[in-house]
Amino acid sequence: RYEKHSTIITTNMPFSNWAEVFGSATLANAILDRLLHHSHVISIKGTSYRLKSKVEYFNSSSNAS
């Protein structure tokens, strides 16, 4: 696949925590080194768009009581 096809990986964990997941900082660094070579990293911060309608629903329900 190298330089021939795209690979998409999503996670809600920052790169700094990957050593915990893989149990080794060396292993996590090796994986990240290979994944991030020629990559585009998109970090999205803020409140969840999916939860917006639920928060509005619960706020309107509590105001109606």
N, C-alpha and C. Protein backbone atom coordinates (compact mmCIF):
# COMPACT_ATOMS: atom_id res chain seq x y z
N ARG A 1 0.81 -1.20 0.00
CA ARG A 1 0.00 0.00 0.00
C ARG A 1 0.85 1.26 0.00
N TYR A 2 2.10 1.16 0.34
CA TYR A 2 2.94 2.34 0.53
C TYR A 2 2.94 3.22 -0.72
N GLU A 3 2.48 4.44 -0.54
CA GLU A 3 2.41 5.46 -1.59
C GLU A 3 1.54 5.06 -2.78
N LYS A 4 0.66 4.10 -2.60
CA LYS A 4 -0.23 3.68 -3.69
C LYS A 4 -1.71 3.87 -3.34
N HIS A 5 -2.06 3.66 -2.09
CA HIS A 5 -3.45 3.77 -1.67
C HIS A 5 -3.54 4.56 -0.37
N SER A 6 -4.72 5.05 -0.09
CA SER A 6 -4.95 5.84 1.13
C SER A 6 -5.34 4.94 2.29
N THR A 7 -5.00 5.37 3.47
CA THR A 7 -5.41 4.70 4.69
C THR A 7 -5.94 5.77 5.63
N ILE A 8 -7.12 5.54 6.19
CA ILE A 8 -7.71 6.48 7.14
C ILE A 8 -7.76 5.81 8.50
N ILE A 9 -7.25 6.49 9.49
CA ILE A 9 -7.28 6.01 10.86
C ILE A 9 -7.91 7.10 11.71
N THR A 10 -8.88 6.74 12.52
CA THR A 10 -9.50 7.71 13.41
C THR A 10 -9.32 7.26 14.85
N THR A 11 -9.20 8.22 15.73
CA THR A 11 -9.08 7.93 17.15
C THR A 11 -9.48 9.16 17.95
N ASN A 12 -9.91 8.93 19.16
CA ASN A 12 -10.19 10.06 20.04
C ASN A 12 -9.09 10.19 21.09
N MET A 13 -7.99 9.46 20.89
CA MET A 13 -6.87 9.50 21.82
C MET A 13 -5.71 10.28 21.22
N PRO A 14 -5.14 11.22 21.97
CA PRO A 14 -4.00 11.97 21.44
C PRO A 14 -2.78 11.06 21.28
N PHE A 15 -1.89 11.45 20.37
CA PHE A 15 -0.69 10.65 20.11
C PHE A 15 0.13 10.45 21.38
N SER A 16 0.10 11.41 22.27
CA SER A 16 0.90 11.32 23.50
C SER A 16 0.46 10.16 24.40
N ASN A 17 -0.75 9.64 24.20
CA ASN A 17 -1.25 8.52 25.02
C ASN A 17 -1.09 7.16 24.36
N TRP A 18 -0.55 7.11 23.16
CA TRP A 18 -0.45 5.83 22.45
C TRP A 18 0.49 4.86 23.13
N ALA A 19 1.48 5.34 23.86
CA ALA A 19 2.40 4.44 24.57
C ALA A 19 1.64 3.61 25.61
N GLU A 20 0.63 4.19 26.24
CA GLU A 20 -0.20 3.45 27.20
C GLU A 20 -0.95 2.33 26.50
N VAL A 21 -1.48 2.60 25.34
CA VAL A 21 -2.28 1.62 24.61
C VAL A 21 -1.42 0.44 24.17
N PHE A 22 -0.25 0.73 23.61
CA PHE A 22 0.61 -0.32 23.08
C PHE A 22 1.55 -0.89 24.13
N GLY A 23 1.59 -0.29 25.31
CA GLY A 23 2.41 -0.81 26.39
C GLY A 23 3.89 -0.52 26.27
N SER A 24 4.28 0.25 25.29
CA SER A 24 5.69 0.55 25.08
C SER A 24 5.81 1.84 24.29
N ALA A 25 6.61 2.75 24.81
CA ALA A 25 6.83 4.01 24.09
C ALA A 25 7.59 3.77 22.80
N THR A 26 8.50 2.81 22.80
CA THR A 26 9.27 2.49 21.60
C THR A 26 8.36 1.96 20.50
N LEU A 27 7.46 1.06 20.86
CA LEU A 27 6.52 0.51 19.88
C LEU A 27 5.58 1.60 19.36
N ALA A 28 5.05 2.42 20.26
CA ALA A 28 4.14 3.50 19.85
C ALA A 28 4.86 4.47 18.92
N ASN A 29 6.09 4.82 19.23
CA ASN A 29 6.85 5.73 18.37
C ASN A 29 7.11 5.13 17.00
N ALA A 30 7.41 3.84 16.94
CA ALA A 30 7.65 3.19 15.65
C ALA A 30 6.38 3.18 14.80
N ILE A 31 5.25 2.88 15.43
CA ILE A 31 3.97 2.87 14.71
C ILE A 31 3.64 4.27 14.21
N LEU A 32 3.75 5.26 15.09
CA LEU A 32 3.44 6.64 14.70
C LEU A 32 4.38 7.15 13.63
N ASP A 33 5.64 6.77 13.70
CA ASP A 33 6.61 7.18 12.69
C ASP A 33 6.18 6.70 11.31
N ARG A 34 5.71 5.47 11.22
CA ARG A 34 5.28 4.91 9.94
C ARG A 34 3.93 5.48 9.48
N LEU A 35 3.02 5.69 10.44
CA LEU A 35 1.70 6.22 10.08
C LEU A 35 1.75 7.69 9.67
N LEU A 36 2.57 8.47 10.34
CA LEU A 36 2.56 9.91 10.12
C LEU A 36 3.44 10.37 8.97
N HIS A 37 4.24 9.48 8.42
CA HIS A 37 5.08 9.81 7.27
C HIS A 37 4.17 10.09 6.07
N HIS A 38 4.26 11.25 5.48
CA HIS A 38 3.40 11.67 4.35
C HIS A 38 1.92 11.75 4.74
N SER A 39 1.61 12.07 5.98
CA SER A 39 0.20 12.08 6.38
C SER A 39 -0.34 13.49 6.57
N HIS A 40 -1.65 13.58 6.66
CA HIS A 40 -2.35 14.81 7.01
C HIS A 40 -3.09 14.51 8.31
N VAL A 41 -2.77 15.24 9.35
CA VAL A 41 -3.42 15.04 10.64
C VAL A 41 -4.43 16.16 10.83
N ILE A 42 -5.67 15.78 11.09
CA ILE A 42 -6.75 16.75 11.31
C ILE A 42 -7.22 16.59 12.75
N SER A 43 -7.02 17.62 13.55
CA SER A 43 -7.47 17.61 14.94
C SER A 43 -8.72 18.47 15.06
N ILE A 44 -9.77 17.89 15.57
CA ILE A 44 -11.03 18.60 15.74
C ILE A 44 -11.26 18.77 17.23
N LYS A 45 -11.44 20.00 17.65
CA LYS A 45 -11.67 20.28 19.06
C LYS A 45 -12.99 21.01 19.21
N GLY A 46 -13.61 20.84 20.34
CA GLY A 46 -14.87 21.52 20.60
C GLY A 46 -15.92 20.53 21.06
N THR A 47 -17.11 21.02 21.20
CA THR A 47 -18.19 20.15 21.66
C THR A 47 -18.68 19.26 20.53
N SER A 48 -19.25 18.15 20.89
CA SER A 48 -19.74 17.18 19.92
C SER A 48 -20.98 17.70 19.21
N TYR A 49 -20.95 17.66 17.89
CA TYR A 49 -22.11 18.09 17.11
C TYR A 49 -23.28 17.14 17.33
N ARG A 50 -23.00 15.85 17.50
CA ARG A 50 -24.06 14.86 17.69
C ARG A 50 -24.78 15.06 19.01
N LEU A 51 -24.08 15.57 20.02
CA LEU A 51 -24.72 15.76 21.31
C LEU A 51 -25.51 17.06 21.40
N LYS A 52 -25.33 17.95 20.44
CA LYS A 52 -25.97 19.26 20.48
C LYS A 52 -27.49 19.14 20.60
N SER A 53 -28.12 18.31 19.78
CA SER A 53 -29.58 18.19 19.82
C SER A 53 -30.04 17.56 21.13
N LYS A 54 -29.26 16.65 21.69
CA LYS A 54 -29.62 16.02 22.96
C LYS A 54 -29.56 17.03 24.10
N VAL A 55 -28.54 17.86 24.11
CA VAL A 55 -28.41 18.89 25.14
C VAL A 55 -29.57 19.86 25.05
N GLU A 56 -29.91 20.28 23.83
CA GLU A 56 -31.04 21.19 23.63
C GLU A 56 -32.34 20.54 24.10
N TYR A 57 -32.51 19.24 23.83
CA TYR A 57 -33.72 18.52 24.24
C TYR A 57 -33.83 18.49 25.76
N PHE A 58 -32.74 18.12 26.43
CA PHE A 58 -32.77 18.03 27.89
C PHE A 58 -32.94 19.40 28.53
N ASN A 59 -32.35 20.42 27.95
CA ASN A 59 -32.52 21.78 28.48
C ASN A 59 -33.97 22.23 28.34
N SER A 60 -34.60 21.94 27.20
CA SER A 60 -36.00 22.34 27.01
C SER A 60 -36.93 21.50 27.88
N SER A 61 -36.59 20.24 28.12
CA SER A 61 -37.41 19.38 28.99
C SER A 61 -37.35 19.85 30.43
N SER A 62 -36.18 20.25 30.89
CA SER A 62 -36.05 20.69 32.28
C SER A 62 -36.71 22.05 32.49
N ASN A 63 -36.75 22.89 31.45
CA ASN A 63 -37.41 24.19 31.56
C ASN A 63 -38.92 24.04 31.55
N ALA A 64 -39.44 22.99 30.90
CA ALA A 64 -40.88 22.79 30.80
C ALA A 64 -41.45 22.24 32.10
N SER A 65 -40.64 21.62 32.94
CA SER A 65 -41.12 21.00 34.18
C SER A 65 -41.45 22.00 35.23
